[in-house]
């Protein structure tokens, strides 16, 4: 009985694995084909202007505890 239960679990696991692999591969194939429609006229890249004003009295810039962030500071 125990060997039969292990074989059923193994077969079900293999079928589920095969099903997941098939779904993943077909999704990857169709996604790659759909996103391959870019042309040189559909891509727009623009740049911005960044102005920096240093309001200090010396030659050095002091920015203690600075960390990367999307929020403005100062």
N, C-alpha and C. Protein backbone atom coordinates (compact mmCIF):
# COMPACT_ATOMS: atom_id res chain seq x y z
N UNK A 1 0.82 -1.19 0.00
CA UNK A 1 0.00 0.00 0.00
C UNK A 1 0.86 1.25 0.00
N UNK A 2 1.94 1.23 0.77
CA UNK A 2 2.81 2.40 0.88
C UNK A 2 3.53 2.67 -0.44
N UNK A 3 3.99 1.60 -1.13
CA UNK A 3 4.66 1.76 -2.41
C UNK A 3 3.70 2.29 -3.47
N UNK A 4 2.45 1.85 -3.42
CA UNK A 4 1.45 2.30 -4.39
C UNK A 4 1.16 3.79 -4.17
N UNK A 5 1.11 4.22 -2.91
CA UNK A 5 0.84 5.62 -2.60
C UNK A 5 1.99 6.51 -3.09
N UNK A 6 3.23 6.05 -2.92
CA UNK A 6 4.40 6.81 -3.37
C UNK A 6 4.40 6.92 -4.88
N UNK A 7 4.04 5.81 -5.60
CA UNK A 7 4.01 5.89 -7.05
C UNK A 7 2.93 6.81 -7.57
N UNK A 8 1.78 6.86 -6.92
CA UNK A 8 0.72 7.79 -7.34
C UNK A 8 1.17 9.23 -7.13
N UNK A 9 1.80 9.50 -6.01
CA UNK A 9 2.30 10.86 -5.74
C UNK A 9 3.37 11.24 -6.76
N UNK A 10 4.24 10.31 -7.11
CA UNK A 10 5.28 10.57 -8.10
C UNK A 10 4.68 10.86 -9.47
N UNK A 11 3.71 10.07 -9.89
CA UNK A 11 3.08 10.27 -11.20
C UNK A 11 2.34 11.60 -11.25
N UNK A 12 1.60 11.93 -10.20
CA UNK A 12 0.87 13.21 -10.16
C UNK A 12 1.86 14.38 -10.18
N UNK A 13 2.96 14.26 -9.46
CA UNK A 13 3.97 15.32 -9.44
C UNK A 13 4.60 15.51 -10.81
N UNK A 14 4.88 14.41 -11.51
CA UNK A 14 5.47 14.50 -12.84
C UNK A 14 4.50 15.14 -13.83
N UNK A 15 3.22 14.78 -13.75
CA UNK A 15 2.22 15.36 -14.65
C UNK A 15 2.08 16.86 -14.40
N UNK A 16 2.03 17.26 -13.12
CA UNK A 16 1.93 18.69 -12.80
C UNK A 16 3.17 19.45 -13.26
N UNK A 17 4.34 18.85 -13.08
CA UNK A 17 5.58 19.49 -13.53
C UNK A 17 5.58 19.67 -15.04
N UNK A 18 5.19 18.65 -15.77
CA UNK A 18 5.12 18.73 -17.23
C UNK A 18 4.12 19.79 -17.68
N UNK A 19 2.99 19.87 -17.00
CA UNK A 19 1.98 20.87 -17.33
C UNK A 19 2.51 22.28 -17.08
N UNK A 20 3.17 22.50 -15.96
CA UNK A 20 3.73 23.82 -15.67
C UNK A 20 4.83 24.21 -16.65
N UNK A 21 5.67 23.26 -17.02
CA UNK A 21 6.72 23.54 -18.00
C UNK A 21 6.12 23.90 -19.34
N UNK A 22 5.09 23.18 -19.77
CA UNK A 22 4.43 23.46 -21.04
C UNK A 22 3.79 24.84 -21.04
N UNK A 23 3.11 25.19 -19.97
CA UNK A 23 2.47 26.51 -19.87
C UNK A 23 3.54 27.61 -19.87
N UNK A 24 4.61 27.42 -19.13
CA UNK A 24 5.68 28.42 -19.07
C UNK A 24 6.35 28.63 -20.41
N UNK A 25 6.64 27.55 -21.12
CA UNK A 25 7.29 27.67 -22.43
C UNK A 25 6.38 28.33 -23.46
N UNK A 26 5.10 27.98 -23.46
CA UNK A 26 4.20 28.60 -24.44
C UNK A 26 4.00 30.07 -24.12
N UNK A 27 3.92 30.44 -22.84
CA UNK A 27 3.80 31.85 -22.47
C UNK A 27 5.04 32.63 -22.91
N UNK A 28 6.22 32.07 -22.69
CA UNK A 28 7.46 32.74 -23.09
C UNK A 28 7.53 32.89 -24.61
N UNK A 29 7.11 31.89 -25.35
CA UNK A 29 7.15 31.95 -26.81
C UNK A 29 6.24 33.04 -27.34
N UNK A 30 5.00 33.07 -26.88
CA UNK A 30 4.06 34.05 -27.40
C UNK A 30 4.37 35.46 -26.91
N UNK A 31 4.92 35.61 -25.73
CA UNK A 31 5.31 36.93 -25.25
C UNK A 31 6.46 37.47 -26.08
N UNK A 32 7.42 36.64 -26.42
CA UNK A 32 8.56 37.09 -27.22
C UNK A 32 8.10 37.50 -28.61
N UNK A 33 7.13 36.82 -29.18
CA UNK A 33 6.65 37.18 -30.51
C UNK A 33 5.83 38.47 -30.50
N UNK A 34 5.07 38.71 -29.46
CA UNK A 34 4.23 39.90 -29.40
C UNK A 34 5.08 41.15 -29.19
N UNK A 35 6.09 41.10 -28.35
CA UNK A 35 6.89 42.28 -28.05
C UNK A 35 7.93 42.59 -29.11
N UNK A 36 8.03 41.79 -30.13
CA UNK A 36 9.02 42.01 -31.17
C UNK A 36 8.46 42.86 -32.31
N UNK A 37 7.65 43.88 -31.99
CA UNK A 37 7.03 44.71 -33.02
C UNK A 37 7.56 46.13 -33.01
N UNK A 38 8.68 46.39 -32.35
CA UNK A 38 9.22 47.74 -32.29
C UNK A 38 9.89 48.11 -33.61
N UNK A 39 9.74 49.37 -33.98
CA UNK A 39 10.42 49.92 -35.15
C UNK A 39 11.15 51.17 -34.70
N UNK A 40 11.97 51.72 -35.59
CA UNK A 40 12.72 52.91 -35.20
C UNK A 40 11.82 54.11 -34.98
N UNK A 41 10.62 54.10 -35.55
CA UNK A 41 9.72 55.24 -35.36
C UNK A 41 8.85 55.10 -34.13
N UNK A 42 8.85 53.95 -33.46
CA UNK A 42 8.01 53.78 -32.28
C UNK A 42 8.77 53.99 -30.99
N UNK A 43 10.05 54.27 -31.07
CA UNK A 43 10.86 54.46 -29.87
C UNK A 43 11.23 55.93 -29.77
N UNK A 44 10.81 56.58 -28.68
CA UNK A 44 11.14 57.99 -28.45
C UNK A 44 11.94 58.11 -27.17
N UNK A 45 13.07 58.77 -27.27
CA UNK A 45 13.90 59.01 -26.10
C UNK A 45 14.14 60.51 -26.01
N UNK A 46 13.85 61.08 -24.83
CA UNK A 46 14.11 62.51 -24.64
C UNK A 46 14.92 62.69 -23.37
N UNK A 47 15.65 63.76 -23.33
CA UNK A 47 16.46 64.07 -22.16
C UNK A 47 15.95 65.32 -21.48
N UNK A 48 16.20 65.42 -20.22
CA UNK A 48 15.78 66.59 -19.46
C UNK A 48 16.95 67.52 -19.20
N UNK A 49 16.66 68.63 -18.55
CA UNK A 49 17.67 69.61 -18.19
C UNK A 49 17.78 69.62 -16.67
N UNK A 50 19.00 69.54 -16.18
CA UNK A 50 19.22 69.55 -14.74
C UNK A 50 20.08 70.75 -14.39
N UNK A 51 19.57 71.59 -13.52
CA UNK A 51 20.30 72.77 -13.08
C UNK A 51 20.71 72.57 -11.63
N UNK A 52 21.98 72.78 -11.35
CA UNK A 52 22.50 72.63 -10.00
C UNK A 52 23.01 73.98 -9.53
N UNK A 53 22.55 74.40 -8.38
CA UNK A 53 23.00 75.66 -7.78
C UNK A 53 23.70 75.34 -6.47
N UNK A 54 24.98 75.67 -6.40
CA UNK A 54 25.75 75.44 -5.18
C UNK A 54 25.72 76.72 -4.35
N UNK A 55 25.16 76.64 -3.16
CA UNK A 55 25.05 77.80 -2.28
C UNK A 55 25.94 77.60 -1.06
N UNK A 56 27.22 77.57 -1.30
CA UNK A 56 28.16 77.39 -0.19
C UNK A 56 29.27 78.42 -0.30
N UNK A 57 29.99 78.59 0.77
CA UNK A 57 31.03 79.61 0.81
C UNK A 57 32.41 79.05 0.48
N UNK A 58 32.56 77.75 0.47
CA UNK A 58 33.88 77.17 0.26
C UNK A 58 33.97 76.39 -1.04
N UNK A 59 35.06 75.64 -1.15
CA UNK A 59 35.33 74.85 -2.34
C UNK A 59 34.70 73.46 -2.28
N UNK A 60 34.13 73.08 -1.16
CA UNK A 60 33.64 71.71 -1.00
C UNK A 60 32.12 71.67 -0.87
N UNK A 61 31.57 70.52 -1.18
CA UNK A 61 30.14 70.28 -1.06
C UNK A 61 29.94 69.35 0.13
N UNK A 62 29.10 69.74 1.06
CA UNK A 62 28.86 68.96 2.26
C UNK A 62 27.43 68.41 2.22
N UNK A 63 27.29 67.11 2.14
CA UNK A 63 25.98 66.46 2.11
C UNK A 63 26.01 65.25 3.05
N UNK A 64 25.88 65.48 4.36
CA UNK A 64 25.93 64.36 5.30
C UNK A 64 24.66 63.51 5.24
N UNK A 65 24.81 62.24 5.50
CA UNK A 65 23.69 61.28 5.55
C UNK A 65 22.87 61.25 4.26
N UNK A 66 23.50 61.41 3.12
CA UNK A 66 22.77 61.39 1.85
C UNK A 66 22.57 59.94 1.42
N UNK A 67 21.39 59.64 0.90
CA UNK A 67 21.05 58.31 0.44
C UNK A 67 20.29 58.42 -0.88
N UNK A 68 20.37 57.43 -1.76
CA UNK A 68 19.58 57.46 -2.99
C UNK A 68 18.09 57.43 -2.67
N UNK A 69 17.33 58.28 -3.35
CA UNK A 69 15.89 58.36 -3.09
C UNK A 69 15.20 59.05 -4.26
N UNK A 70 13.92 58.79 -4.43
CA UNK A 70 13.13 59.48 -5.44
C UNK A 70 12.56 60.80 -4.91
N UNK A 71 12.66 61.02 -3.61
CA UNK A 71 12.11 62.22 -3.01
C UNK A 71 13.12 63.36 -3.05
N UNK A 72 12.66 64.58 -3.32
CA UNK A 72 13.59 65.73 -3.31
C UNK A 72 13.98 66.09 -1.88
N UNK A 73 15.12 66.68 -1.74
CA UNK A 73 15.56 67.14 -0.42
C UNK A 73 16.18 68.52 -0.58
N UNK A 74 16.43 69.15 0.52
CA UNK A 74 17.14 70.41 0.48
C UNK A 74 16.37 71.53 0.88
